[in-house]
Amino acid sequence: MDFVGSPEWRVADVAPAYRPSHRRETDPPPVPVKILIAGGFGVGKTTTVGAISEIVPLTTEAEMTQAGIGVDEPGAGTGKTTTTVAMDFGCVTIDHSLKLYLFGTPGQARFGFMWDDLSRGALGALVVVDSSRLDECYPAVDYFERAGVPFVVAVNAFHGRLEHSLEEIRWALAVPENVPIIRFDARDRLSVRDGLLVVLEQALARAMPG
């Protein structure tokens, strides 16, 4: 399904904003870190950003129409009627020393030209996967492997279940053992937080080999 008209910035209503603990006035400013939330169309990227962001996230979503049937397929049972045509943006303070800036990428291949700009300066990426549509995430996995950006494959448990085991998904995606594959729920802020912490661990391991 395609989108109609020009995309407009709007606030997302996918989840209440996350509220971290308050900083003390004597604490130094947190270090800013850029993380990408990537993956195919309709896998839960906008929901992921909205679930954890401590600000009301910004999105660039546009309505889908019948013109794109067969091009943009959101997957059965998602109820998705909009599509991200530029990016999602949110942020979360992990602790007093670290603040993550989250950039959700558009999922369709025709918006792939934006990925180079969005990934510039990113410390790592969370690649969100729908286990019933693994083919949707191949471009994201290939992109970060080629770019040398540390990433974690996060399998979104739609309706609380996975279509395949994590090991089967690893085999199907040909993801090496040093790339974590985790199960998570894009709607649950604690689950998203844990996924982002795995991304940070992966980036730290890459920065400090051995």
N, C-alpha and C. Protein backbone atom coordinates (compact mmCIF):
# COMPACT_ATOMS: atom_id res chain seq x y z
N MET A 1 0.82 -1.18 0.00
CA MET A 1 0.00 0.00 0.00
C MET A 1 0.86 1.24 0.00
N ASP A 2 0.44 2.25 -0.69
CA ASP A 2 1.24 3.44 -0.85
C ASP A 2 0.73 4.53 0.09
N PHE A 3 1.42 5.69 0.09
CA PHE A 3 0.97 6.78 0.93
C PHE A 3 0.40 7.89 0.08
N VAL A 4 -0.43 8.71 0.72
CA VAL A 4 -1.13 9.78 0.02
C VAL A 4 -0.57 11.12 0.44
N GLY A 5 -0.33 12.00 -0.53
CA GLY A 5 0.07 13.36 -0.21
C GLY A 5 1.44 13.45 0.40
N SER A 6 1.77 14.61 0.94
CA SER A 6 3.08 14.85 1.54
C SER A 6 3.09 14.38 2.98
N PRO A 7 4.21 13.77 3.41
CA PRO A 7 4.29 13.35 4.81
C PRO A 7 4.30 14.57 5.73
N GLU A 8 3.73 14.42 6.91
CA GLU A 8 3.71 15.50 7.88
C GLU A 8 4.29 15.00 9.19
N TRP A 9 5.05 15.87 9.86
CA TRP A 9 5.53 15.53 11.19
C TRP A 9 4.33 15.50 12.12
N ARG A 10 4.24 14.50 12.93
CA ARG A 10 3.18 14.45 13.94
C ARG A 10 3.71 13.67 15.13
N VAL A 11 3.01 13.80 16.26
CA VAL A 11 3.41 13.05 17.45
C VAL A 11 2.77 11.68 17.39
N ALA A 12 3.52 10.67 17.82
CA ALA A 12 2.99 9.31 17.81
C ALA A 12 2.15 9.08 19.05
N ASP A 13 1.17 8.20 18.94
CA ASP A 13 0.30 7.89 20.08
C ASP A 13 0.37 6.41 20.41
N VAL A 14 1.55 5.82 20.15
CA VAL A 14 1.66 4.37 20.30
C VAL A 14 1.80 3.93 21.75
N ALA A 15 2.28 4.78 22.64
CA ALA A 15 2.47 4.37 24.03
C ALA A 15 2.73 5.60 24.88
N PRO A 16 2.42 5.54 26.18
CA PRO A 16 2.78 6.65 27.06
C PRO A 16 4.28 6.85 27.09
N ALA A 17 4.71 8.09 27.27
CA ALA A 17 6.15 8.39 27.28
C ALA A 17 6.82 7.76 28.49
N TYR A 18 8.03 7.29 28.29
CA TYR A 18 8.85 6.72 29.36
C TYR A 18 9.43 7.84 30.21
N ARG A 19 9.45 7.70 31.51
CA ARG A 19 9.98 8.72 32.41
C ARG A 19 11.15 8.15 33.22
N PRO A 20 12.38 8.56 32.91
CA PRO A 20 13.53 8.08 33.67
C PRO A 20 13.60 8.76 35.02
N SER A 21 14.47 8.29 35.90
CA SER A 21 14.65 8.92 37.20
C SER A 21 15.25 10.31 37.01
N HIS A 22 14.99 11.19 37.97
CA HIS A 22 15.43 12.57 37.85
C HIS A 22 16.94 12.69 38.07
N ARG A 23 17.55 13.57 37.28
CA ARG A 23 18.97 13.86 37.45
C ARG A 23 19.15 14.86 38.58
N ARG A 24 20.29 14.77 39.23
CA ARG A 24 20.66 15.79 40.21
C ARG A 24 21.32 16.95 39.50
N GLU A 25 21.18 18.13 40.03
CA GLU A 25 21.74 19.32 39.39
C GLU A 25 23.26 19.24 39.29
N THR A 26 23.88 18.48 40.18
CA THR A 26 25.34 18.37 40.17
C THR A 26 25.85 17.34 39.17
N ASP A 27 24.95 16.55 38.59
CA ASP A 27 25.38 15.53 37.63
C ASP A 27 25.82 16.19 36.33
N PRO A 28 26.91 15.69 35.71
CA PRO A 28 27.30 16.22 34.39
C PRO A 28 26.27 15.82 33.36
N PRO A 29 26.22 16.54 32.24
CA PRO A 29 25.26 16.18 31.20
C PRO A 29 25.51 14.76 30.69
N PRO A 30 24.47 14.02 30.38
CA PRO A 30 24.67 12.65 29.86
C PRO A 30 25.31 12.68 28.49
N VAL A 31 26.08 11.63 28.19
CA VAL A 31 26.72 11.50 26.88
C VAL A 31 25.65 11.11 25.85
N PRO A 32 25.54 11.86 24.74
CA PRO A 32 24.54 11.51 23.71
C PRO A 32 25.04 10.36 22.83
N VAL A 33 24.17 9.38 22.57
CA VAL A 33 24.50 8.23 21.74
C VAL A 33 23.37 8.02 20.74
N LYS A 34 23.73 7.84 19.48
CA LYS A 34 22.75 7.64 18.41
C LYS A 34 22.57 6.15 18.14
N ILE A 35 21.33 5.69 18.19
CA ILE A 35 20.98 4.30 17.92
C ILE A 35 19.92 4.26 16.83
N LEU A 36 20.07 3.37 15.86
CA LEU A 36 19.07 3.20 14.83
C LEU A 36 18.12 2.06 15.18
N ILE A 37 16.84 2.26 14.87
CA ILE A 37 15.84 1.21 14.96
C ILE A 37 15.44 0.88 13.53
N ALA A 38 15.87 -0.26 13.04
CA ALA A 38 15.73 -0.58 11.61
C ALA A 38 14.93 -1.86 11.44
N GLY A 39 14.66 -2.19 10.18
CA GLY A 39 13.93 -3.41 9.87
C GLY A 39 12.98 -3.19 8.72
N GLY A 40 12.24 -4.22 8.37
CA GLY A 40 11.32 -4.14 7.24
C GLY A 40 10.05 -3.38 7.54
N PHE A 41 9.16 -3.38 6.57
CA PHE A 41 7.90 -2.65 6.68
C PHE A 41 6.95 -3.35 7.64
N GLY A 42 6.40 -2.58 8.58
CA GLY A 42 5.37 -3.12 9.47
C GLY A 42 5.85 -4.08 10.53
N VAL A 43 7.14 -4.01 10.91
CA VAL A 43 7.64 -4.97 11.90
C VAL A 43 7.59 -4.43 13.34
N GLY A 44 7.28 -3.13 13.50
CA GLY A 44 7.16 -2.58 14.85
C GLY A 44 8.18 -1.52 15.21
N LYS A 45 8.80 -0.88 14.23
CA LYS A 45 9.84 0.11 14.53
C LYS A 45 9.27 1.36 15.21
N THR A 46 8.17 1.88 14.68
CA THR A 46 7.54 3.06 15.28
C THR A 46 7.05 2.76 16.69
N THR A 47 6.49 1.58 16.88
CA THR A 47 6.03 1.16 18.20
C THR A 47 7.20 1.06 19.17
N THR A 48 8.33 0.54 18.70
CA THR A 48 9.52 0.41 19.54
C THR A 48 9.99 1.76 20.05
N VAL A 49 10.09 2.73 19.15
CA VAL A 49 10.52 4.07 19.55
C VAL A 49 9.52 4.68 20.54
N GLY A 50 8.23 4.55 20.23
CA GLY A 50 7.21 5.13 21.09
C GLY A 50 7.14 4.51 22.47
N ALA A 51 7.46 3.23 22.58
CA ALA A 51 7.36 2.54 23.86
C ALA A 51 8.37 3.01 24.87
N ILE A 52 9.53 3.49 24.42
CA ILE A 52 10.62 3.80 25.34
C ILE A 52 10.93 5.28 25.44
N SER A 53 10.51 6.08 24.45
CA SER A 53 10.93 7.48 24.40
C SER A 53 10.41 8.27 25.59
N GLU A 54 11.28 9.09 26.18
CA GLU A 54 10.88 9.94 27.29
C GLU A 54 10.25 11.25 26.81
N ILE A 55 10.30 11.50 25.52
CA ILE A 55 9.54 12.59 24.92
C ILE A 55 8.46 11.97 24.04
N VAL A 56 7.43 12.72 23.73
CA VAL A 56 6.46 12.21 22.77
C VAL A 56 7.17 12.13 21.43
N PRO A 57 7.31 10.93 20.86
CA PRO A 57 8.15 10.77 19.67
C PRO A 57 7.58 11.49 18.46
N LEU A 58 8.50 11.93 17.61
CA LEU A 58 8.13 12.50 16.33
C LEU A 58 8.13 11.41 15.28
N THR A 59 7.15 11.45 14.39
CA THR A 59 7.09 10.46 13.32
C THR A 59 6.83 11.18 12.00
N THR A 60 7.17 10.52 10.92
CA THR A 60 6.82 11.02 9.59
C THR A 60 5.98 9.96 8.92
N GLU A 61 4.76 9.80 9.38
CA GLU A 61 3.87 8.76 8.87
C GLU A 61 2.84 9.36 7.94
N ALA A 62 2.47 8.59 6.92
CA ALA A 62 1.44 8.98 5.96
C ALA A 62 0.48 7.83 5.76
N GLU A 63 -0.74 8.15 5.42
CA GLU A 63 -1.76 7.14 5.21
C GLU A 63 -1.43 6.27 3.99
N MET A 64 -1.73 4.98 4.09
CA MET A 64 -1.57 4.05 2.97
C MET A 64 -2.87 3.95 2.19
N THR A 65 -2.75 3.64 0.92
CA THR A 65 -3.94 3.50 0.08
C THR A 65 -3.90 2.18 -0.67
N GLN A 66 -4.96 1.90 -1.40
CA GLN A 66 -5.05 0.66 -2.18
C GLN A 66 -4.05 0.62 -3.33
N ALA A 67 -3.50 1.78 -3.69
CA ALA A 67 -2.59 1.83 -4.84
C ALA A 67 -1.33 1.01 -4.63
N GLY A 68 -0.97 0.80 -3.37
CA GLY A 68 0.27 0.09 -3.10
C GLY A 68 0.10 -1.38 -2.73
N ILE A 69 -1.09 -1.93 -2.90
CA ILE A 69 -1.30 -3.34 -2.57
C ILE A 69 -0.33 -4.20 -3.39
N GLY A 70 0.34 -5.11 -2.71
CA GLY A 70 1.33 -5.93 -3.37
C GLY A 70 2.73 -5.34 -3.30
N VAL A 71 2.82 -4.06 -2.89
CA VAL A 71 4.12 -3.40 -2.73
C VAL A 71 4.44 -3.26 -1.25
N ASP A 72 3.52 -2.68 -0.48
CA ASP A 72 3.67 -2.54 0.96
C ASP A 72 2.65 -3.43 1.65
N GLU A 73 3.10 -4.57 2.13
CA GLU A 73 2.21 -5.50 2.82
C GLU A 73 2.59 -5.56 4.29
N PRO A 74 1.73 -5.06 5.19
CA PRO A 74 2.09 -4.94 6.60
C PRO A 74 2.04 -6.24 7.39
N GLY A 75 1.53 -7.29 6.80
CA GLY A 75 1.43 -8.54 7.55
C GLY A 75 0.05 -8.71 8.14
N ALA A 76 -0.36 -9.95 8.23
CA ALA A 76 -1.72 -10.25 8.69
C ALA A 76 -1.90 -9.85 10.15
N GLY A 77 -3.04 -9.22 10.43
CA GLY A 77 -3.39 -8.95 11.83
C GLY A 77 -2.73 -7.75 12.45
N THR A 78 -1.94 -6.97 11.71
CA THR A 78 -1.29 -5.83 12.34
C THR A 78 -2.20 -4.63 12.45
N GLY A 79 -3.20 -4.50 11.56
CA GLY A 79 -4.07 -3.35 11.58
C GLY A 79 -3.38 -2.06 11.16
N LYS A 80 -2.24 -2.18 10.51
CA LYS A 80 -1.44 -1.00 10.14
C LYS A 80 -2.09 -0.26 8.98
N THR A 81 -2.28 1.06 9.13
CA THR A 81 -2.88 1.88 8.07
C THR A 81 -1.98 3.04 7.65
N THR A 82 -0.83 3.20 8.31
CA THR A 82 0.10 4.27 7.95
C THR A 82 1.48 3.68 7.73
N THR A 83 2.36 4.47 7.13
CA THR A 83 3.73 4.04 6.89
C THR A 83 4.70 5.17 7.14
N THR A 84 5.86 4.85 7.70
CA THR A 84 6.91 5.85 7.92
C THR A 84 7.60 6.15 6.60
N VAL A 85 7.64 7.44 6.23
CA VAL A 85 8.21 7.81 4.94
C VAL A 85 9.51 8.61 5.09
N ALA A 86 9.95 8.86 6.29
CA ALA A 86 11.25 9.51 6.50
C ALA A 86 11.94 8.87 7.69
N MET A 87 11.47 9.17 8.90
CA MET A 87 12.07 8.55 10.08
C MET A 87 11.17 8.78 11.27
N ASP A 88 11.42 8.01 12.34
CA ASP A 88 10.85 8.26 13.67
C ASP A 88 11.99 8.78 14.54
N PHE A 89 11.64 9.57 15.55
CA PHE A 89 12.68 10.08 16.44
C PHE A 89 12.15 10.10 17.87
N GLY A 90 12.99 9.60 18.78
CA GLY A 90 12.70 9.66 20.20
C GLY A 90 14.00 9.63 20.97
N CYS A 91 13.93 9.78 22.27
CA CYS A 91 15.14 9.70 23.09
C CYS A 91 14.81 9.14 24.46
N VAL A 92 15.82 8.58 25.10
CA VAL A 92 15.65 8.02 26.43
C VAL A 92 16.96 8.14 27.19
N THR A 93 16.87 8.58 28.44
CA THR A 93 18.03 8.64 29.33
C THR A 93 18.17 7.30 30.03
N ILE A 94 19.23 6.57 29.71
CA ILE A 94 19.45 5.24 30.30
C ILE A 94 19.83 5.37 31.77
N ASP A 95 20.77 6.26 32.05
CA ASP A 95 21.10 6.62 33.43
C ASP A 95 21.60 8.05 33.38
N HIS A 96 22.18 8.53 34.49
CA HIS A 96 22.60 9.93 34.54
C HIS A 96 23.76 10.23 33.59
N SER A 97 24.41 9.20 33.07
CA SER A 97 25.59 9.44 32.24
C SER A 97 25.36 9.19 30.76
N LEU A 98 24.20 8.63 30.39
CA LEU A 98 24.02 8.18 29.00
C LEU A 98 22.60 8.47 28.52
N LYS A 99 22.52 9.13 27.36
CA LYS A 99 21.21 9.42 26.76
C LYS A 99 21.20 8.91 25.33
N LEU A 100 20.22 8.09 24.99
CA LEU A 100 20.11 7.52 23.66
C LEU A 100 19.16 8.34 22.80
N TYR A 101 19.62 8.63 21.59
CA TYR A 101 18.76 9.28 20.60
C TYR A 101 18.41 8.22 19.56
N LEU A 102 17.14 7.94 19.43
CA LEU A 102 16.66 6.82 18.62
C LEU A 102 16.12 7.32 17.30
N PHE A 103 16.62 6.76 16.21
CA PHE A 103 16.18 7.12 14.87
C PHE A 103 15.62 5.86 14.20
N GLY A 104 14.30 5.86 13.97
CA GLY A 104 13.67 4.75 13.28
C GLY A 104 13.71 4.96 11.78
N THR A 105 14.21 3.97 11.06
CA THR A 105 14.36 4.09 9.60
C THR A 105 13.06 3.67 8.90
N PRO A 106 12.82 4.19 7.70
CA PRO A 106 11.70 3.68 6.91
C PRO A 106 11.98 2.25 6.45
N GLY A 107 10.94 1.43 6.35
CA GLY A 107 11.15 0.02 6.07
C GLY A 107 11.18 -0.35 4.60
N GLN A 108 10.56 0.46 3.74
CA GLN A 108 10.47 0.08 2.33
C GLN A 108 11.77 0.35 1.59
N ALA A 109 12.05 -0.50 0.62
CA ALA A 109 13.30 -0.39 -0.15
C ALA A 109 13.40 0.94 -0.88
N ARG A 110 12.27 1.50 -1.30
CA ARG A 110 12.33 2.75 -2.08
C ARG A 110 12.79 3.94 -1.24
N PHE A 111 12.80 3.80 0.10
CA PHE A 111 13.31 4.85 0.96
C PHE A 111 14.72 4.54 1.45
N GLY A 112 15.35 3.53 0.85
CA GLY A 112 16.67 3.10 1.29
C GLY A 112 17.75 4.15 1.14
N PHE A 113 17.53 5.12 0.25
CA PHE A 113 18.55 6.16 0.05
C PHE A 113 18.76 6.98 1.32
N MET A 114 17.82 6.95 2.25
CA MET A 114 17.94 7.73 3.48
C MET A 114 18.82 7.05 4.52
N TRP A 115 19.07 5.74 4.35
CA TRP A 115 19.76 5.00 5.39
C TRP A 115 21.17 5.50 5.63
N ASP A 116 21.89 5.86 4.58
CA ASP A 116 23.26 6.34 4.76
C ASP A 116 23.30 7.58 5.64
N ASP A 117 22.36 8.50 5.40
CA ASP A 117 22.31 9.72 6.21
C ASP A 117 21.92 9.41 7.65
N LEU A 118 20.92 8.56 7.84
CA LEU A 118 20.46 8.25 9.19
C LEU A 118 21.50 7.48 9.98
N SER A 119 22.29 6.64 9.32
CA SER A 119 23.25 5.81 10.04
C SER A 119 24.56 6.53 10.36
N ARG A 120 24.74 7.71 9.78
CA ARG A 120 25.99 8.44 10.02
C ARG A 120 26.11 8.80 11.50
N GLY A 121 27.18 8.35 12.13
CA GLY A 121 27.42 8.63 13.54
C GLY A 121 26.70 7.71 14.50
N ALA A 122 26.01 6.69 14.01
CA ALA A 122 25.28 5.77 14.89
C ALA A 122 26.25 4.80 15.57
N LEU A 123 26.02 4.58 16.85
CA LEU A 123 26.86 3.64 17.60
C LEU A 123 26.46 2.20 17.33
N GLY A 124 25.19 1.98 17.04
CA GLY A 124 24.71 0.63 16.79
C GLY A 124 23.28 0.66 16.30
N ALA A 125 22.72 -0.53 16.06
CA ALA A 125 21.36 -0.62 15.53
C ALA A 125 20.62 -1.80 16.14
N LEU A 126 19.32 -1.61 16.32
CA LEU A 126 18.42 -2.68 16.70
C LEU A 126 17.59 -3.01 15.46
N VAL A 127 17.80 -4.21 14.91
CA VAL A 127 17.07 -4.63 13.71
C VAL A 127 15.85 -5.42 14.16
N VAL A 128 14.67 -4.83 13.97
CA VAL A 128 13.42 -5.44 14.41
C VAL A 128 12.92 -6.39 13.33
N VAL A 129 12.50 -7.58 13.76
CA VAL A 129 12.13 -8.66 12.83
C VAL A 129 10.75 -9.19 13.19
N ASP A 130 9.94 -9.43 12.17
CA ASP A 130 8.69 -10.18 12.31
C ASP A 130 9.02 -11.62 11.88
N SER A 131 8.88 -12.57 12.80
CA SER A 131 9.32 -13.94 12.51
C SER A 131 8.47 -14.61 11.43
N SER A 132 7.31 -14.06 11.11
CA SER A 132 6.48 -14.63 10.05
C SER A 132 6.83 -14.04 8.69
N ARG A 133 7.69 -12.99 8.66
CA ARG A 133 8.08 -12.36 7.40
C ARG A 133 9.58 -12.06 7.44
N LEU A 134 10.38 -13.11 7.53
CA LEU A 134 11.82 -12.93 7.68
C LEU A 134 12.44 -12.23 6.48
N ASP A 135 11.85 -12.40 5.31
CA ASP A 135 12.42 -11.77 4.11
C ASP A 135 12.44 -10.26 4.20
N GLU A 136 11.57 -9.68 5.06
CA GLU A 136 11.51 -8.23 5.20
C GLU A 136 12.77 -7.66 5.85
N CYS A 137 13.50 -8.47 6.61
CA CYS A 137 14.64 -7.93 7.36
C CYS A 137 15.98 -8.19 6.70
N TYR A 138 16.01 -8.95 5.60
CA TYR A 138 17.29 -9.21 4.93
C TYR A 138 18.02 -7.92 4.55
N PRO A 139 17.34 -6.92 3.95
CA PRO A 139 18.08 -5.70 3.57
C PRO A 139 18.74 -5.00 4.75
N ALA A 140 18.06 -4.97 5.91
CA ALA A 140 18.64 -4.30 7.08
C ALA A 140 19.86 -5.06 7.59
N VAL A 141 19.75 -6.39 7.69
CA VAL A 141 20.89 -7.19 8.15
C VAL A 141 22.07 -7.02 7.20
N ASP A 142 21.82 -7.10 5.90
CA ASP A 142 22.89 -6.94 4.91
C ASP A 142 23.52 -5.55 5.01
N TYR A 143 22.69 -4.53 5.20
CA TYR A 143 23.19 -3.16 5.24
C TYR A 143 24.18 -2.97 6.39
N PHE A 144 23.81 -3.39 7.58
CA PHE A 144 24.67 -3.16 8.74
C PHE A 144 25.90 -4.06 8.72
N GLU A 145 25.79 -5.23 8.12
CA GLU A 145 26.98 -6.07 7.96
C GLU A 145 27.98 -5.39 7.04
N ARG A 146 27.49 -4.85 5.92
CA ARG A 146 28.38 -4.16 4.98
C ARG A 146 28.95 -2.87 5.57
N ALA A 147 28.13 -2.15 6.33
CA ALA A 147 28.56 -0.87 6.89
C ALA A 147 29.46 -1.04 8.11
N GLY A 148 29.52 -2.24 8.67
CA GLY A 148 30.33 -2.48 9.86
C GLY A 148 29.75 -1.86 11.12
N VAL A 149 28.43 -1.63 11.13
CA VAL A 149 27.77 -1.06 12.31
C VAL A 149 27.30 -2.20 13.22
N PRO A 150 27.68 -2.20 14.50
CA PRO A 150 27.22 -3.26 15.40
C PRO A 150 25.69 -3.28 15.46
N PHE A 151 25.10 -4.48 15.42
CA PHE A 151 23.65 -4.55 15.46
C PHE A 151 23.19 -5.79 16.22
N VAL A 152 21.94 -5.72 16.64
CA VAL A 152 21.29 -6.82 17.35
C VAL A 152 19.99 -7.10 16.62
N VAL A 153 19.68 -8.37 16.40
CA VAL A 153 18.42 -8.77 15.79
C VAL A 153 17.40 -8.98 16.91
N ALA A 154 16.34 -8.18 16.88
CA ALA A 154 15.30 -8.25 17.91
C ALA A 154 14.02 -8.77 17.28
N VAL A 155 13.61 -9.98 17.65
CA VAL A 155 12.45 -10.63 17.05
C VAL A 155 11.20 -10.23 17.83
N ASN A 156 10.33 -9.48 17.18
CA ASN A 156 9.14 -8.95 17.82
C ASN A 156 8.10 -10.07 17.98
N ALA A 157 7.67 -10.29 19.22
CA ALA A 157 6.72 -11.37 19.51
C ALA A 157 5.30 -10.87 19.28
N PHE A 158 4.87 -10.85 18.01
CA PHE A 158 3.51 -10.45 17.69
C PHE A 158 2.52 -11.43 18.34
N HIS A 159 1.54 -10.88 19.04
CA HIS A 159 0.52 -11.70 19.72
C HIS A 159 1.17 -12.68 20.70
N GLY A 160 2.35 -12.34 21.21
CA GLY A 160 2.99 -13.14 22.24
C GLY A 160 3.65 -14.41 21.77
N ARG A 161 3.82 -14.58 20.46
CA ARG A 161 4.42 -15.82 19.99
C ARG A 161 5.32 -15.56 18.80
N LEU A 162 6.23 -16.52 18.56
CA LEU A 162 7.13 -16.46 17.41
C LEU A 162 6.79 -17.60 16.47
N GLU A 163 6.95 -17.35 15.18
CA GLU A 163 6.69 -18.39 14.19
C GLU A 163 7.83 -19.40 14.10
N HIS A 164 9.04 -18.99 14.52
CA HIS A 164 10.21 -19.85 14.47
C HIS A 164 11.05 -19.61 15.72
N SER A 165 11.86 -20.57 16.08
CA SER A 165 12.76 -20.39 17.22
C SER A 165 13.88 -19.42 16.85
N LEU A 166 14.56 -18.89 17.86
CA LEU A 166 15.64 -17.95 17.60
C LEU A 166 16.77 -18.61 16.82
N GLU A 167 17.05 -19.87 17.10
CA GLU A 167 18.11 -20.56 16.37
C GLU A 167 17.72 -20.79 14.91
N GLU A 168 16.45 -21.09 14.66
CA GLU A 168 15.99 -21.22 13.29
C GLU A 168 16.08 -19.89 12.53
N ILE A 169 15.79 -18.81 13.25
CA ILE A 169 15.87 -17.49 12.63
C ILE A 169 17.33 -17.14 12.33
N ARG A 170 18.22 -17.48 13.24
CA ARG A 170 19.65 -17.24 13.00
C ARG A 170 20.12 -17.98 11.74
N TRP A 171 19.70 -19.21 11.62
CA TRP A 171 20.09 -20.01 10.45
C TRP A 171 19.51 -19.41 9.17
N ALA A 172 18.24 -19.02 9.22
CA ALA A 172 17.58 -18.48 8.02
C ALA A 172 18.21 -17.17 7.56
N LEU A 173 18.66 -16.36 8.53
CA LEU A 173 19.26 -15.06 8.19
C LEU A 173 20.76 -15.14 7.97
N ALA A 174 21.34 -16.31 8.27
CA ALA A 174 22.79 -16.49 8.16
C ALA A 174 23.53 -15.46 9.01
N VAL A 175 23.01 -15.22 10.20
CA VAL A 175 23.62 -14.25 11.12
C VAL A 175 24.68 -14.97 11.94
N PRO A 176 25.91 -14.44 11.99
CA PRO A 176 26.98 -15.10 12.74
C PRO A 176 26.70 -15.15 14.25
N GLU A 177 27.37 -16.04 14.92
CA GLU A 177 27.13 -16.27 16.35
C GLU A 177 27.45 -15.04 17.20
N ASN A 178 28.33 -14.16 16.70
CA ASN A 178 28.69 -12.99 17.51
C ASN A 178 27.65 -11.87 17.45
N VAL A 179 26.60 -12.07 16.65
CA VAL A 179 25.51 -11.10 16.58
C VAL A 179 24.36 -11.63 17.44
N PRO A 180 23.99 -10.93 18.52
CA PRO A 180 22.90 -11.41 19.37
C PRO A 180 21.56 -11.42 18.64
N ILE A 181 20.76 -12.45 18.89
CA ILE A 181 19.38 -12.50 18.45
C ILE A 181 18.52 -12.66 19.69
N ILE A 182 17.62 -11.71 19.89
CA ILE A 182 16.82 -11.71 21.12
C ILE A 182 15.33 -11.69 20.77
N ARG A 183 14.52 -12.16 21.68
CA ARG A 183 13.07 -12.02 21.58
C ARG A 183 12.67 -10.80 22.39
N PHE A 184 11.79 -9.97 21.84
CA PHE A 184 11.31 -8.82 22.60
C PHE A 184 9.90 -8.45 22.17
N ASP A 185 9.29 -7.56 22.96
CA ASP A 185 7.95 -7.06 22.67
C ASP A 185 8.06 -5.56 22.44
N ALA A 186 7.80 -5.13 21.20
CA ALA A 186 7.97 -3.72 20.84
C ALA A 186 7.03 -2.80 21.61
N ARG A 187 5.98 -3.34 22.21
CA ARG A 187 5.03 -2.51 22.96
C ARG A 187 5.45 -2.29 24.40
N ASP A 188 6.39 -3.09 24.88
CA ASP A 188 6.75 -3.09 26.30
C ASP A 188 8.04 -2.32 26.52
N ARG A 189 7.99 -1.25 27.30
CA ARG A 189 9.16 -0.38 27.44
C ARG A 189 10.34 -1.08 28.09
N LEU A 190 10.08 -1.98 29.04
CA LEU A 190 11.18 -2.68 29.68
C LEU A 190 11.84 -3.65 28.71
N SER A 191 11.04 -4.29 27.87
CA SER A 191 11.58 -5.20 26.88
C SER A 191 12.43 -4.43 25.86
N VAL A 192 11.93 -3.26 25.43
CA VAL A 192 12.69 -2.43 24.51
C VAL A 192 13.98 -1.94 25.17
N ARG A 193 13.88 -1.52 26.42
CA ARG A 193 15.08 -1.08 27.14
C ARG A 193 16.14 -2.17 27.18
N ASP A 194 15.73 -3.40 27.47
CA ASP A 194 16.69 -4.50 27.53
C ASP A 194 17.33 -4.73 26.16
N GLY A 195 16.54 -4.60 25.09
CA GLY A 195 17.10 -4.74 23.75
C GLY A 195 18.13 -3.68 23.44
N LEU A 196 17.85 -2.44 23.84
CA LEU A 196 18.80 -1.35 23.61
C LEU A 196 20.08 -1.55 24.41
N LEU A 197 19.96 -2.10 25.60
CA LEU A 197 21.16 -2.37 26.40
C LEU A 197 22.04 -3.43 25.73
N VAL A 198 21.42 -4.39 25.07
CA VAL A 198 22.20 -5.39 24.33
C VAL A 198 22.94 -4.72 23.18
N VAL A 199 22.28 -3.76 22.50
CA VAL A 199 22.95 -3.01 21.43
C VAL A 199 24.17 -2.28 21.99
N LEU A 200 24.01 -1.64 23.14
CA LEU A 200 25.14 -0.92 23.75
C LEU A 200 26.27 -1.88 24.11
N GLU A 201 25.93 -3.04 24.64
CA GLU A 201 26.96 -4.04 24.97
C GLU A 201 27.70 -4.49 23.71
N GLN A 202 26.94 -4.69 22.62
CA GLN A 202 27.54 -5.12 21.37
C GLN A 202 28.48 -4.05 20.83
N ALA A 203 28.07 -2.78 20.91
CA ALA A 203 28.91 -1.68 20.43
C ALA A 203 30.16 -1.55 21.29
N LEU A 204 30.03 -1.73 22.60
CA LEU A 204 31.19 -1.64 23.49
C LEU A 204 32.16 -2.78 23.20
N ALA A 205 31.63 -3.98 22.97
CA ALA A 205 32.51 -5.11 22.65
C ALA A 205 33.27 -4.86 21.35
N ARG A 206 32.62 -4.22 20.38
CA ARG A 206 33.28 -3.91 19.10
C ARG A 206 34.38 -2.86 19.31
N ALA A 207 34.12 -1.90 20.20
CA ALA A 207 35.07 -0.81 20.44
C ALA A 207 36.27 -1.27 21.26
N MET A 208 36.09 -2.35 22.06
CA MET A 208 37.15 -2.82 22.95
C MET A 208 37.40 -4.31 22.68
N PRO A 209 37.97 -4.64 21.52
CA PRO A 209 38.19 -6.06 21.16
C PRO A 209 39.13 -6.74 22.15
N GLY A 210 38.87 -8.00 22.39
CA GLY A 210 39.74 -8.77 23.27
C GLY A 210 39.45 -8.54 24.71
